[in-house]
N, C-alpha and C. Protein backbone atom coordinates (compact mmCIF):
# COMPACT_ATOMS: atom_id res chain seq x y z
N MET A 1 0.69 2.55 9.54
CA MET A 1 -0.10 2.80 10.89
C MET A 1 -0.21 1.81 11.01
N LEU A 2 -1.28 1.14 10.63
CA LEU A 2 -1.29 0.19 10.88
C LEU A 2 -0.52 -1.37 11.24
N ASN A 3 0.11 -1.34 10.88
CA ASN A 3 1.30 -2.97 10.91
C ASN A 3 1.98 -2.87 11.77
N GLU A 4 2.00 -1.21 12.53
CA GLU A 4 2.55 -0.88 14.52
C GLU A 4 2.37 -1.63 15.28
N ILE A 5 0.60 -1.76 15.28
CA ILE A 5 -0.47 -2.74 15.70
C ILE A 5 -0.12 -3.63 15.59
N LEU A 6 -0.90 -3.71 13.97
CA LEU A 6 -1.72 -5.73 13.56
C LEU A 6 -0.42 -6.37 13.28
N GLY A 7 0.86 -5.77 13.34
CA GLY A 7 2.14 -6.27 13.02
C GLY A 7 2.90 -6.54 11.32
N ASP A 8 3.82 -6.76 10.92
CA ASP A 8 4.30 -6.38 9.48
C ASP A 8 4.20 -8.31 9.00
N TYR A 9 2.75 -7.82 8.29
CA TYR A 9 1.92 -8.77 7.63
C TYR A 9 2.08 -8.54 6.54
N PRO A 10 2.43 -8.81 5.57
CA PRO A 10 1.70 -8.64 3.66
C PRO A 10 0.20 -7.87 3.56
N GLN A 11 -0.85 -8.49 3.52
CA GLN A 11 -1.79 -8.16 4.54
C GLN A 11 -2.13 -7.15 4.63
N ILE A 12 -1.50 -6.10 5.74
CA ILE A 12 -1.60 -5.23 6.84
C ILE A 12 -0.84 -4.30 6.23
N LYS A 13 -0.34 -4.46 5.11
CA LYS A 13 0.46 -3.79 4.55
C LYS A 13 0.03 -3.13 3.51
N VAL A 14 -0.80 -4.54 2.38
CA VAL A 14 -1.89 -3.29 1.45
C VAL A 14 -2.97 -3.22 2.11
N LEU A 15 -4.26 -3.31 3.18
CA LEU A 15 -4.78 -2.31 3.92
C LEU A 15 -4.68 -1.42 4.08
N ASP A 16 -3.20 -0.79 4.51
CA ASP A 16 -2.44 0.35 5.23
C ASP A 16 -2.41 0.73 4.02
N TYR A 17 -1.77 0.39 3.12
CA TYR A 17 -1.05 1.22 1.63
C TYR A 17 -2.79 2.24 1.32
N LEU A 18 -3.88 1.01 1.03
CA LEU A 18 -5.22 1.24 0.41
C LEU A 18 -5.66 2.39 1.46
N LEU A 19 -5.36 2.56 2.47
CA LEU A 19 -6.47 2.78 3.43
C LEU A 19 -5.92 4.48 3.96
N THR A 20 -5.22 4.10 2.89
CA THR A 20 -3.74 6.20 3.02
C THR A 20 -4.13 6.48 1.53
N ASN A 21 -4.93 5.75 0.31
CA ASN A 21 -5.01 5.81 -0.90
C ASN A 21 -6.93 5.01 -1.21
N PRO A 22 -7.76 6.31 -0.15
CA PRO A 22 -9.10 5.06 -0.69
C PRO A 22 -9.80 5.31 -2.01
N PHE A 23 -9.98 5.96 -2.31
CA PHE A 23 -10.38 6.14 -4.31
C PHE A 23 -9.38 6.12 -4.97
N ALA A 24 -8.13 5.85 -5.19
CA ALA A 24 -7.10 4.79 -5.81
C ALA A 24 -7.45 3.69 -6.29
N GLU A 25 -7.79 4.11 -7.79
CA GLU A 25 -7.52 1.97 -8.70
C GLU A 25 -5.94 2.32 -9.26
N LEU A 26 -5.38 1.36 -8.39
CA LEU A 26 -4.52 1.12 -8.83
C LEU A 26 -3.83 -0.52 -9.00
N SER A 27 -2.97 -0.94 -10.20
CA SER A 27 -3.38 -1.85 -10.29
C SER A 27 -2.25 -3.34 -9.41
N LYS A 28 -2.18 -4.53 -10.11
CA LYS A 28 -1.70 -5.19 -9.40
C LYS A 28 0.13 -4.58 -8.93
N LEU A 29 0.40 -4.42 -9.62
CA LEU A 29 2.04 -3.88 -10.15
C LEU A 29 2.29 -2.60 -8.44
N GLN A 30 1.02 -1.60 -9.19
CA GLN A 30 1.04 -0.28 -8.09
C GLN A 30 0.49 -0.86 -6.43
N LEU A 31 -0.18 -1.80 -6.26
CA LEU A 31 -0.71 -1.74 -4.73
C LEU A 31 0.94 -2.72 -4.04
N ALA A 32 1.31 -3.73 -4.98
CA ALA A 32 2.55 -3.95 -4.58
C ALA A 32 3.77 -3.74 -3.71
N VAL A 33 3.90 -2.39 -5.07
CA VAL A 33 4.95 -1.75 -4.87
C VAL A 33 4.68 -0.58 -3.29
N GLY A 34 3.35 -0.48 -3.78
CA GLY A 34 3.10 0.47 -2.10
C GLY A 34 3.08 0.32 -1.10
N ALA A 35 2.28 -1.06 -1.13
CA ALA A 35 2.48 -1.86 -0.14
C ALA A 35 3.74 -2.15 0.41
N GLU A 36 5.18 -1.56 -0.70
CA GLU A 36 6.31 -2.61 -0.03
C GLU A 36 6.60 -4.08 0.04
N ILE A 37 5.48 -5.31 -1.30
CA ILE A 37 5.78 -6.53 -1.37
C ILE A 37 5.58 -7.10 -2.29
N SER A 38 5.89 -7.74 -2.78
CA SER A 38 6.20 -8.85 -4.18
C SER A 38 5.02 -8.67 -4.79
N ARG A 39 4.86 -9.14 -5.91
CA ARG A 39 2.89 -9.18 -7.31
C ARG A 39 3.08 -10.67 -6.45
N ILE A 40 3.75 -11.42 -6.51
CA ILE A 40 3.28 -12.79 -5.95
C ILE A 40 3.10 -13.12 -4.87
N THR A 41 3.50 -12.29 -3.17
CA THR A 41 3.10 -12.12 -2.90
C THR A 41 1.93 -11.90 -2.44
N LEU A 42 1.23 -10.87 -2.77
CA LEU A 42 0.08 -9.27 -3.66
C LEU A 42 -1.20 -10.84 -3.92
N ASN A 43 -0.53 -11.54 -4.99
CA ASN A 43 -1.40 -12.34 -5.65
C ASN A 43 -1.78 -14.00 -4.93
N LYS A 44 -1.01 -14.24 -3.56
CA LYS A 44 -1.22 -15.23 -2.83
C LYS A 44 -2.26 -14.53 -1.98
N PHE A 45 -3.23 -13.45 -1.94
CA PHE A 45 -4.23 -13.45 -0.99
C PHE A 45 -5.29 -12.35 -1.99
N ILE A 46 -4.80 -12.23 -2.41
CA ILE A 46 -5.38 -10.43 -3.15
C ILE A 46 -6.68 -11.29 -3.39
N ASP A 47 -6.89 -12.78 -3.36
CA ASP A 47 -8.59 -13.08 -4.08
C ASP A 47 -9.56 -13.02 -2.77
N ASP A 48 -9.21 -13.27 -1.40
CA ASP A 48 -9.35 -13.36 -1.26
C ASP A 48 -10.22 -12.08 0.02
N MET A 49 -8.58 -10.79 -0.14
CA MET A 49 -9.27 -10.02 0.22
C MET A 49 -10.35 -9.33 -0.58
N ILE A 50 -10.67 -9.88 -1.73
CA ILE A 50 -12.05 -9.21 -2.56
C ILE A 50 -13.22 -10.13 -2.56
N ASP A 51 -13.02 -11.75 -1.71
CA ASP A 51 -13.64 -12.17 -1.21
C ASP A 51 -14.32 -11.88 0.24
N LYS A 52 -13.98 -11.41 0.87
CA LYS A 52 -14.14 -10.41 2.15
C LYS A 52 -14.56 -9.63 2.37
N GLN A 53 -14.44 -9.35 0.87
CA GLN A 53 -15.40 -7.39 0.35
C GLN A 53 -14.08 -6.91 1.22
N LEU A 54 -13.25 -6.14 1.81
CA LEU A 54 -12.22 -5.00 1.16
C LEU A 54 -12.03 -4.86 0.57
N ILE A 55 -11.68 -5.36 -0.40
CA ILE A 55 -11.34 -4.84 -1.98
C ILE A 55 -12.13 -5.29 -3.16
N ILE A 56 -12.32 -4.48 -4.31
CA ILE A 56 -12.81 -4.38 -4.73
C ILE A 56 -12.08 -4.01 -6.36
N LYS A 57 -12.16 -5.39 -7.04
CA LYS A 57 -11.40 -5.65 -8.12
C LYS A 57 -12.32 -4.59 -9.47
N CYS A 58 -11.74 -3.74 -9.75
CA CYS A 58 -12.68 -3.11 -10.99
C CYS A 58 -12.59 -3.80 -12.25
N SER A 59 -13.49 -3.11 -12.80
CA SER A 59 -13.74 -3.80 -14.91
C SER A 59 -12.17 -3.58 -15.02
N ASN A 60 -11.61 -2.45 -14.77
CA ASN A 60 -10.53 -1.98 -16.12
C ASN A 60 -8.73 -3.09 -15.45
N SER A 61 -9.28 -4.25 -14.38
CA SER A 61 -7.69 -4.83 -13.72
C SER A 61 -7.32 -4.63 -12.77
N LYS A 62 -7.70 -3.34 -12.35
CA LYS A 62 -7.57 -2.55 -10.97
C LYS A 62 -8.78 -2.96 -10.04
N TYR A 63 -7.88 -2.18 -8.39
CA TYR A 63 -8.52 -2.84 -7.61
C TYR A 63 -8.23 -1.59 -7.06
N LYS A 64 -9.53 -1.32 -5.60
CA LYS A 64 -9.62 0.05 -4.97
C LYS A 64 -10.68 -0.80 -4.01
N LEU A 65 -10.15 0.07 -3.19
CA LEU A 65 -10.21 0.10 -1.57
C LEU A 65 -12.10 -0.17 -1.40
N ASN A 66 -13.26 -1.28 -0.88
CA ASN A 66 -14.14 -1.00 -0.43
C ASN A 66 -14.51 -0.62 0.50
N ILE A 67 -14.64 1.20 0.05
CA ILE A 67 -15.29 2.26 2.02
C ILE A 67 -15.86 1.78 2.43
N GLU A 68 -16.98 1.05 1.74
CA GLU A 68 -18.42 0.62 2.45
C GLU A 68 -18.36 -0.60 3.09
N SER A 69 -17.26 -1.27 2.83
CA SER A 69 -17.07 -2.46 4.35
C SER A 69 -17.12 -2.08 5.49
N PRO A 70 -18.30 -2.85 6.19
CA PRO A 70 -18.31 -2.47 8.09
C PRO A 70 -16.55 -2.51 8.50
N ILE A 71 -15.76 -3.40 7.97
CA ILE A 71 -15.18 -3.63 8.67
C ILE A 71 -13.57 -2.67 8.01
N ILE A 72 -13.40 -1.84 6.67
CA ILE A 72 -12.64 -1.15 6.85
C ILE A 72 -13.22 0.53 7.07
N ILE A 73 -14.55 0.19 7.74
CA ILE A 73 -15.33 1.78 7.84
C ILE A 73 -14.17 1.48 9.91
N LYS A 74 -14.91 0.60 9.91
CA LYS A 74 -13.32 0.18 11.99
C LYS A 74 -12.65 0.87 11.44
N LEU A 75 -11.82 0.36 10.94
CA LEU A 75 -10.47 0.54 10.76
C LEU A 75 -9.86 1.66 10.31
N ASN A 76 -10.96 2.78 9.41
CA ASN A 76 -10.60 3.42 9.12
C ASN A 76 -10.84 4.95 10.45
N MET A 77 -11.99 3.90 11.32
CA MET A 77 -12.22 4.82 12.53
C MET A 77 -10.19 4.99 13.55
N ILE A 78 -10.88 3.26 13.53
CA ILE A 78 -9.11 3.66 13.74
C ILE A 78 -8.00 4.30 13.59
N LEU A 79 -7.81 4.40 12.70
CA LEU A 79 -6.28 4.71 11.70
C LEU A 79 -6.92 7.01 12.59
N ASP A 80 -8.36 6.91 12.52
CA ASP A 80 -8.49 8.62 12.73
C ASP A 80 -7.79 8.28 14.34
N GLU A 81 -7.83 7.65 15.04
CA GLU A 81 -7.95 7.51 16.62
C GLU A 81 -6.77 7.94 16.93
N LEU A 82 -5.53 7.04 16.21
CA LEU A 82 -4.07 7.18 16.11
C LEU A 82 -3.85 7.81 15.90
N ASN A 83 -4.40 8.46 14.23
CA ASN A 83 -4.01 10.01 14.07
C ASN A 83 -3.48 11.40 14.84
N LYS A 84 -5.05 11.02 15.36
CA LYS A 84 -4.81 12.33 16.98
C LYS A 84 -3.88 11.73 17.83
N ILE A 85 -3.74 10.95 17.93
CA ILE A 85 -2.95 10.62 19.33
C ILE A 85 -1.43 10.58 19.24
N ALA A 86 -0.64 10.39 17.43
CA ALA A 86 0.56 10.71 16.69
C ALA A 86 0.19 12.82 17.01
N ILE A 87 -0.60 13.28 15.89
CA ILE A 87 -0.57 14.56 16.79
C ILE A 87 -0.28 15.35 17.65
N THR A 88 -0.84 14.36 18.93
CA THR A 88 -0.88 15.28 19.86
C THR A 88 0.62 15.09 20.67
N GLU A 89 1.08 14.01 20.42
CA GLU A 89 2.44 13.62 20.26
C GLU A 89 3.35 14.77 20.20
N ALA A 90 3.35 14.53 18.40
CA ALA A 90 4.09 15.43 17.81
C ALA A 90 4.94 16.61 18.23
N MET A 91 3.07 17.42 18.74
CA MET A 91 2.39 18.96 18.73
C MET A 91 3.72 19.03 20.39
N LYS A 92 3.81 18.09 20.97
CA LYS A 92 4.49 17.90 22.76
C LYS A 92 6.35 18.16 22.41
N TYR A 93 6.77 18.27 21.04
CA TYR A 93 8.03 18.31 20.97
C TYR A 93 8.10 19.07 19.41
N ALA A 94 6.97 19.60 19.16
CA ALA A 94 7.25 20.73 17.25
C ALA A 94 7.62 22.38 18.21
N ASP A 95 8.98 22.84 17.57
CA ASP A 95 9.73 23.90 17.90
C ASP A 95 8.26 25.45 17.82
N GLU A 96 7.39 24.81 16.88
CA GLU A 96 6.38 25.65 16.73
C GLU A 96 5.00 25.55 16.41
N PRO A 97 3.73 26.62 17.53
CA PRO A 97 2.97 25.72 17.07
C PRO A 97 1.88 24.83 15.91
N TYR A 98 1.55 24.28 15.92
CA TYR A 98 1.22 23.28 14.33
C TYR A 98 -0.07 25.09 13.70
N ASP A 99 -0.24 25.48 13.94
CA ASP A 99 -1.74 26.46 13.16
C ASP A 99 -1.41 28.25 12.89
N GLU A 100 0.51 27.68 13.26
CA GLU A 100 1.58 29.44 12.56
C GLU A 100 1.75 28.16 11.27
N LEU A 101 2.24 27.14 10.79
CA LEU A 101 2.33 27.41 9.70
C LEU A 101 2.17 27.71 8.56
N SER A 102 3.05 27.93 7.74
CA SER A 102 1.61 28.91 6.38
C SER A 102 1.31 27.46 5.09
N ASP A 103 0.45 27.88 4.71
CA ASP A 103 -0.10 27.29 3.98
C ASP A 103 1.24 25.85 2.70
N GLU A 104 2.17 27.06 2.06
CA GLU A 104 3.02 26.33 1.35
C GLU A 104 3.27 25.09 2.40
N GLU A 105 3.75 25.97 3.80
CA GLU A 105 4.27 24.24 4.82
C GLU A 105 3.42 23.75 4.36
N LEU A 106 2.53 23.47 5.35
CA LEU A 106 1.01 22.69 5.46
C LEU A 106 0.72 21.64 4.03
N ASP A 107 1.05 22.35 3.11
CA ASP A 107 1.03 21.92 1.40
C ASP A 107 2.21 20.56 1.67
N ARG A 108 3.40 21.63 2.05
CA ARG A 108 4.36 20.48 1.72
C ARG A 108 3.85 19.25 2.56
N ILE A 109 4.09 19.26 3.99
CA ILE A 109 4.18 17.27 4.60
C ILE A 109 2.68 17.76 4.39
N CYS A 110 1.59 18.08 3.66
CA CYS A 110 0.48 17.60 3.21
C CYS A 110 -0.21 17.00 2.15
N ASP A 111 1.45 16.96 1.51
CA ASP A 111 1.40 16.39 0.24
C ASP A 111 1.41 15.16 -0.29
N GLU A 112 -0.21 14.71 -0.34
CA GLU A 112 -0.13 13.40 -0.88
C GLU A 112 0.41 12.76 -2.21
N ASN A 113 1.00 13.48 -3.38
CA ASN A 113 1.20 12.83 -4.20
C ASN A 113 2.97 12.69 -4.44
N ALA A 114 3.02 11.34 -4.61
CA ALA A 114 3.73 10.55 -4.50
C ALA A 114 4.85 10.76 -5.60
N PRO A 115 6.17 11.15 -5.20
CA PRO A 115 7.47 10.82 -6.76
C PRO A 115 6.34 10.18 -7.18
N GLU A 116 7.43 10.87 -9.05
CA GLU A 116 6.93 9.61 -9.55
C GLU A 116 8.66 7.98 -9.39
N VAL A 117 8.21 6.96 -9.65
CA VAL A 117 8.71 5.48 -9.40
C VAL A 117 8.79 5.39 -10.54
N ASP A 118 9.79 3.99 -10.94
CA ASP A 118 10.59 2.93 -11.45
C ASP A 118 9.51 2.21 -10.84
N LEU A 119 8.63 1.56 -11.44
CA LEU A 119 7.74 0.41 -10.23
C LEU A 119 8.87 -0.83 -10.78
N TYR A 120 8.31 -1.34 -11.41
CA TYR A 120 9.82 -2.36 -12.23
C TYR A 120 11.24 -2.90 -11.53
N LYS A 121 11.58 -1.45 -11.23
CA LYS A 121 12.56 -1.17 -10.25
C LYS A 121 12.74 -1.41 -8.86
N LEU A 122 11.32 -1.53 -8.31
CA LEU A 122 10.81 -1.02 -7.02
C LEU A 122 10.49 -2.63 -6.86
N GLU A 123 10.06 -3.35 -7.69
CA GLU A 123 9.56 -4.70 -7.56
C GLU A 123 10.78 -5.55 -7.61
N LYS A 124 11.78 -5.30 -8.58
CA LYS A 124 12.81 -6.18 -8.41
C LYS A 124 13.78 -6.07 -6.66
N GLU A 125 13.99 -4.61 -6.07
CA GLU A 125 13.94 -4.87 -4.84
C GLU A 125 13.49 -5.44 -4.70
N ILE A 126 12.27 -5.12 -4.40
CA ILE A 126 11.61 -6.05 -3.42
C ILE A 126 11.87 -7.95 -3.67
N MET A 127 11.59 -7.95 -5.37
CA MET A 127 12.46 -9.55 -4.99
C MET A 127 13.70 -9.72 -4.66
N ASN A 128 15.09 -8.49 -4.22
CA ASN A 128 15.78 -9.43 -4.05
C ASN A 128 15.11 -9.83 -2.76
N THR A 129 15.13 -8.50 -1.92
CA THR A 129 14.04 -8.39 -0.26
C THR A 129 14.30 -9.62 -0.09
N GLU A 130 12.56 -10.81 -0.60
CA GLU A 130 12.49 -11.39 -0.15
C GLU A 130 12.75 -12.97 -0.73
N ASN A 131 14.14 -12.51 -1.59
CA ASN A 131 15.02 -13.63 -2.21
C ASN A 131 14.42 -14.51 -2.61
N TYR A 132 13.95 -13.71 -3.67
CA TYR A 132 13.20 -15.09 -5.20
C TYR A 132 13.57 -14.02 -6.40
N ASN A 133 14.21 -15.19 -7.54
CA ASN A 133 13.94 -14.59 -8.81
C ASN A 133 13.35 -15.35 -10.16
N ILE A 134 12.67 -14.57 -10.93
CA ILE A 134 11.64 -14.64 -12.15
C ILE A 134 12.45 -14.73 -12.88
N LEU A 135 12.51 -15.94 -13.83
CA LEU A 135 13.41 -16.13 -14.63
C LEU A 135 12.31 -16.71 -16.04
N ILE A 136 12.37 -15.70 -17.40
CA ILE A 136 12.19 -15.76 -18.60
C ILE A 136 12.51 -16.03 -19.80
N GLU A 137 12.37 -17.65 -19.88
CA GLU A 137 13.27 -18.15 -21.22
C GLU A 137 12.01 -18.47 -22.62
N ASP A 138 12.64 -17.86 -23.64
CA ASP A 138 11.99 -18.57 -25.25
C ASP A 138 12.21 -20.01 -25.20
N ASN A 139 11.35 -20.57 -25.74
CA ASN A 139 11.73 -21.58 -26.06
C ASN A 139 10.60 -22.35 -26.81
N LYS A 140 11.16 -21.44 -28.25
CA LYS A 140 10.05 -21.98 -29.11
C LYS A 140 9.41 -21.54 -29.25
N GLU A 141 8.84 -20.72 -29.58
CA GLU A 141 7.57 -19.74 -29.56
C GLU A 141 6.89 -19.91 -28.43
N LYS A 142 7.43 -20.47 -26.74
CA LYS A 142 7.26 -20.52 -25.75
C LYS A 142 7.72 -19.65 -25.06
N TYR A 143 7.14 -18.85 -24.22
CA TYR A 143 7.79 -18.29 -22.78
C TYR A 143 7.95 -19.44 -21.75
N LEU A 144 9.02 -19.84 -20.88
CA LEU A 144 8.91 -20.62 -19.38
C LEU A 144 9.01 -19.78 -18.26
N LEU A 145 8.39 -19.34 -17.44
CA LEU A 145 8.29 -18.92 -16.40
C LEU A 145 8.58 -19.40 -15.10
N THR A 146 9.46 -19.31 -15.01
CA THR A 146 10.28 -20.19 -14.02
C THR A 146 10.56 -19.33 -12.79
N ILE A 147 10.03 -19.36 -11.16
CA ILE A 147 10.41 -19.03 -9.93
C ILE A 147 11.15 -19.74 -8.88
N GLU A 148 12.50 -19.12 -9.08
CA GLU A 148 13.60 -19.17 -8.42
C GLU A 148 13.07 -18.81 -7.19
N ARG A 149 13.22 -19.50 -5.53
CA ARG A 149 13.31 -19.56 -4.28
C ARG A 149 14.55 -19.50 -3.20
């Protein structure tokens, strides 16, 4: 939702994804795929986000949202207001009142468990969208990594 207001930037996508999963500890791959960016793009700014104390690098090489950051607290407040506006707008067009939905329907609508995804397949799709290739060559017991745009 943040990218609708602040623009479709990779940093905003990462923050938006982390704000919707505030207690998750995610690998770089999970974070990149969840934010719909490539790991290479994420690597360009993740250290800056750590330096600004927006995210925390955990001891297990995973990352999580710094929920104590004043900036994150304010962003959460903005998202709460945006959600209230979105719900109010949606209620104008709803066929039935929100409070009349069954528990099962509410669970289905509010289910936060993402379906199982193939992270490597999604990353490949993102690489294709961003127009780059990663080539790994075995060169006499050494690996050569080449990134082409």
